[in-house]
Amino acid sequence: QVRLAESGGGLAQPGGSLRLSCAASGNIRIILAMGWYRRVPGKERELVARITLNGVIDYADSVKGRFTVSWDDAPYTMNLEMNELKPEDTTVYYCQARIQNRGNSLDDYWGHGTQVTVSS
């Protein structure tokens, strides 16, 4: 079993910053990629930022230049630094991880979500 523990989020003013972290634990052999997605009205979750084991990074166009995703020094932990926040960044953010477990099964896992609210 794999668990994704999300932390961070909360309330920020427009132009402010927040930091999200996601730590994976459990039956893990290797994490191939981790990322953050967010809820969008009328759509499935959209990709915000994603980083692979080899450091390949993708960002949504709407967050490029403002958000930075990175691997933490702690094992199986990924961070998202969110700067220059805008009210339209307000929504629930979900951590996602593609993990190969010790039985060599490959699956995608999701966190429960953390609320980000940008408001003055």
C-alpha atoms as a PDB file:
ATOM      1  CA  GLN A   1       0.000   0.000   0.000  1.00  0.00           C
ATOM      2  CA  VAL A   2       1.181   3.501  -0.822  1.00  0.00           C
ATOM      3  CA  ARG A   3       0.221   6.714   0.941  1.00  0.00           C
ATOM      4  CA  LEU A   4       0.702  10.267  -0.281  1.00  0.00           C
ATOM      5  CA  ALA A   5       0.796  12.861   2.495  1.00  0.00           C
ATOM      6  CA  GLU A   6       0.150  16.400   1.284  1.00  0.00           C
ATOM      7  CA  SER A   7       1.040  19.485   3.292  1.00  0.00           C
ATOM      8  CA  GLY A   8       1.029  23.205   2.756  1.00  0.00           C
ATOM      9  CA  GLY A   9      -1.685  25.140   1.045  1.00  0.00           C
ATOM     10  CA  GLY A  10      -4.007  27.523   2.822  1.00  0.00           C
ATOM     11  CA  LEU A  11      -4.725  31.201   2.280  1.00  0.00           C
ATOM     12  CA  ALA A  12      -2.528  33.701   0.470  1.00  0.00           C
ATOM     13  CA  GLN A  13      -3.007  37.223  -0.825  1.00  0.00           C
ATOM     14  CA  PRO A  14      -2.745  37.961  -4.539  1.00  0.00           C
ATOM     15  CA  GLY A  15       0.929  38.204  -5.394  1.00  0.00           C
ATOM     16  CA  GLY A  16       1.842  36.099  -2.397  1.00  0.00           C
ATOM     17  CA  SER A  17       3.439  32.669  -2.095  1.00  0.00           C
ATOM     18  CA  LEU A  18       2.637  29.218  -0.798  1.00  0.00           C
ATOM     19  CA  ARG A  19       4.512  25.942  -0.721  1.00  0.00           C
ATOM     20  CA  LEU A  20       3.003  22.512  -1.193  1.00  0.00           C
ATOM     21  CA  SER A  21       4.787  19.309  -0.273  1.00  0.00           C
ATOM     22  CA  CYS A  22       3.934  15.703  -0.971  1.00  0.00           C
ATOM     23  CA  ALA A  23       5.616  12.771   0.711  1.00  0.00           C
ATOM     24  CA  ALA A  24       5.095   9.200  -0.441  1.00  0.00           C
ATOM     25  CA  SER A  25       5.456   6.229   1.863  1.00  0.00           C
ATOM     26  CA  GLY A  26       4.717   2.518   1.924  1.00  0.00           C
ATOM     27  CA  ASN A  27       5.344  -0.208  -0.614  1.00  0.00           C
ATOM     28  CA  ILE A  28       7.699   1.692  -2.918  1.00  0.00           C
ATOM     29  CA  ARG A  29      10.508   0.385  -5.079  1.00  0.00           C
ATOM     30  CA  ILE A  30      10.902   3.485  -7.176  1.00  0.00           C
ATOM     31  CA  ILE A  31       8.976   6.665  -7.933  1.00  0.00           C
ATOM     32  CA  LEU A  32       9.011   7.392 -11.640  1.00  0.00           C
ATOM     33  CA  ALA A  33       7.300  10.773 -11.409  1.00  0.00           C
ATOM     34  CA  MET A  34       5.373  13.018  -9.041  1.00  0.00           C
ATOM     35  CA  GLY A  35       3.208  15.971  -9.785  1.00  0.00           C
ATOM     36  CA  TRP A  36       0.477  18.339  -8.728  1.00  0.00           C
ATOM     37  CA  TYR A  37      -2.893  18.566 -10.383  1.00  0.00           C
ATOM     38  CA  ARG A  38      -5.746  20.900  -9.568  1.00  0.00           C
ATOM     39  CA  ARG A  39      -9.486  20.813  -9.828  1.00  0.00           C
ATOM     40  CA  VAL A  40     -10.912  22.870 -12.665  1.00  0.00           C
ATOM     41  CA  PRO A  41     -14.666  23.591 -13.040  1.00  0.00           C
ATOM     42  CA  GLY A  42     -16.186  21.589 -15.855  1.00  0.00           C
ATOM     43  CA  LYS A  43     -13.024  19.586 -16.500  1.00  0.00           C
ATOM     44  CA  GLU A  44     -11.070  16.729 -15.054  1.00  0.00           C
ATOM     45  CA  ARG A  45      -8.107  17.680 -12.968  1.00  0.00           C
ATOM     46  CA  GLU A  46      -5.518  19.621 -14.906  1.00  0.00           C
ATOM     47  CA  LEU A  47      -1.780  19.210 -14.632  1.00  0.00           C
ATOM     48  CA  VAL A  48      -0.074  22.011 -12.743  1.00  0.00           C
ATOM     49  CA  ALA A  49       3.496  20.707 -12.593  1.00  0.00           C
ATOM     50  CA  ARG A  50       5.218  17.356 -12.828  1.00  0.00           C
ATOM     51  CA  ILE A  51       8.758  16.112 -12.305  1.00  0.00           C
ATOM     52  CA  THR A  52      10.184  12.750 -13.321  1.00  0.00           C
ATOM     53  CA  LEU A  53      12.841  10.610 -11.702  1.00  0.00           C
ATOM     54  CA  ASN A  54      15.341  11.978 -14.214  1.00  0.00           C
ATOM     55  CA  GLY A  55      14.373  15.580 -13.520  1.00  0.00           C
ATOM     56  CA  VAL A  56      12.241  16.223 -16.585  1.00  0.00           C
ATOM     57  CA  ILE A  57       9.722  18.915 -15.665  1.00  0.00           C
ATOM     58  CA  ASP A  58       6.429  19.989 -17.203  1.00  0.00           C
ATOM     59  CA  TYR A  59       4.327  22.992 -16.242  1.00  0.00           C
ATOM     60  CA  ALA A  60       0.896  24.189 -17.234  1.00  0.00           C
ATOM     61  CA  ASP A  61       1.195  27.335 -19.331  1.00  0.00           C
ATOM     62  CA  SER A  62      -0.792  29.237 -16.719  1.00  0.00           C
ATOM     63  CA  VAL A  63       1.841  28.692 -14.021  1.00  0.00           C
ATOM     64  CA  LYS A  64       5.098  28.890 -15.985  1.00  0.00           C
ATOM     65  CA  GLY A  65       7.438  31.436 -14.459  1.00  0.00           C
ATOM     66  CA  ARG A  66       5.459  31.501 -11.211  1.00  0.00           C
ATOM     67  CA  PHE A  67       5.523  27.925  -9.878  1.00  0.00           C
ATOM     68  CA  THR A  68       8.555  25.701  -9.357  1.00  0.00           C
ATOM     69  CA  VAL A  69       8.445  21.954  -8.784  1.00  0.00           C
ATOM     70  CA  SER A  70      11.408  20.102  -7.313  1.00  0.00           C
ATOM     71  CA  TRP A  71      12.493  16.983  -5.501  1.00  0.00           C
ATOM     72  CA  ASP A  72      13.081  17.478  -1.795  1.00  0.00           C
ATOM     73  CA  ASP A  73      16.176  16.191  -0.006  1.00  0.00           C
ATOM     74  CA  ALA A  74      13.870  13.925   1.996  1.00  0.00           C
ATOM     75  CA  PRO A  75      13.176  10.610   0.307  1.00  0.00           C
ATOM     76  CA  TYR A  76      10.089  10.302  -1.890  1.00  0.00           C
ATOM     77  CA  THR A  77       9.148  13.956  -1.323  1.00  0.00           C
ATOM     78  CA  MET A  78       8.317  16.583  -3.894  1.00  0.00           C
ATOM     79  CA  ASN A  79       7.661  20.301  -3.417  1.00  0.00           C
ATOM     80  CA  LEU A  80       5.790  22.972  -5.337  1.00  0.00           C
ATOM     81  CA  GLU A  81       6.768  26.581  -4.712  1.00  0.00           C
ATOM     82  CA  MET A  82       3.915  28.834  -5.818  1.00  0.00           C
ATOM     83  CA  ASN A  83       4.770  32.508  -6.268  1.00  0.00           C
ATOM     84  CA  GLU A  84       2.895  35.472  -7.691  1.00  0.00           C
ATOM     85  CA  LEU A  85      -0.344  33.756  -6.798  1.00  0.00           C
ATOM     86  CA  LYS A  86      -3.516  34.873  -8.518  1.00  0.00           C
ATOM     87  CA  PRO A  87      -7.145  34.498  -7.472  1.00  0.00           C
ATOM     88  CA  GLU A  88      -7.630  32.101 -10.370  1.00  0.00           C
ATOM     89  CA  ASP A  89      -5.146  29.732  -8.697  1.00  0.00           C
ATOM     90  CA  THR A  90      -7.779  29.114  -6.037  1.00  0.00           C
ATOM     91  CA  THR A  91      -8.893  25.486  -6.016  1.00  0.00           C
ATOM     92  CA  VAL A  92      -8.025  22.073  -4.584  1.00  0.00           C
ATOM     93  CA  TYR A  93      -4.579  20.745  -5.454  1.00  0.00           C
ATOM     94  CA  TYR A  94      -3.876  17.019  -5.639  1.00  0.00           C
ATOM     95  CA  CYS A  95      -0.559  15.212  -5.421  1.00  0.00           C
ATOM     96  CA  GLN A  96      -0.068  12.376  -7.888  1.00  0.00           C
ATOM     97  CA  ALA A  97       2.717   9.817  -8.074  1.00  0.00           C
ATOM     98  CA  ARG A  98       3.581   7.059 -10.529  1.00  0.00           C
ATOM     99  CA  ILE A  99       5.150   4.337  -8.424  1.00  0.00           C
ATOM    100  CA  GLN A 100       6.585   0.902  -9.006  1.00  0.00           C
ATOM    101  CA  ASN A 101       6.135  -1.162  -5.877  1.00  0.00           C
ATOM    102  CA  ARG A 102       8.350  -3.930  -4.545  1.00  0.00           C
ATOM    103  CA  GLY A 103       6.261  -6.453  -6.477  1.00  0.00           C
ATOM    104  CA  ASN A 104       7.135  -4.510  -9.646  1.00  0.00           C
ATOM    105  CA  SER A 105       3.557  -3.406 -10.188  1.00  0.00           C
ATOM    106  CA  LEU A 106       3.268   0.102 -11.659  1.00  0.00           C
ATOM    107  CA  ASP A 107       0.372   2.306 -10.571  1.00  0.00           C
ATOM    108  CA  ASP A 108      -0.707   5.905 -10.220  1.00  0.00           C
ATOM    109  CA  TYR A 109      -1.587   7.124  -6.742  1.00  0.00           C
ATOM    110  CA  TRP A 110      -3.402  10.250  -5.593  1.00  0.00           C
ATOM    111  CA  GLY A 111      -3.468  12.309  -2.455  1.00  0.00           C
ATOM    112  CA  HIS A 112      -6.697  13.538  -0.874  1.00  0.00           C
ATOM    113  CA  GLY A 113      -6.144  17.124  -1.962  1.00  0.00           C
ATOM    114  CA  THR A 114      -5.261  20.379  -0.247  1.00  0.00           C
ATOM    115  CA  GLN A 115      -7.101  23.676  -0.598  1.00  0.00           C
ATOM    116  CA  VAL A 116      -5.327  26.752  -1.934  1.00  0.00           C
ATOM    117  CA  THR A 117      -7.198  30.046  -1.644  1.00  0.00           C
ATOM    118  CA  VAL A 118      -5.870  33.305  -3.065  1.00  0.00           C
ATOM    119  CA  SER A 119      -7.841  36.262  -1.838  1.00  0.00           C
ATOM    120  CA  SER A 120      -7.353  39.700  -0.355  1.00  0.00           C
END
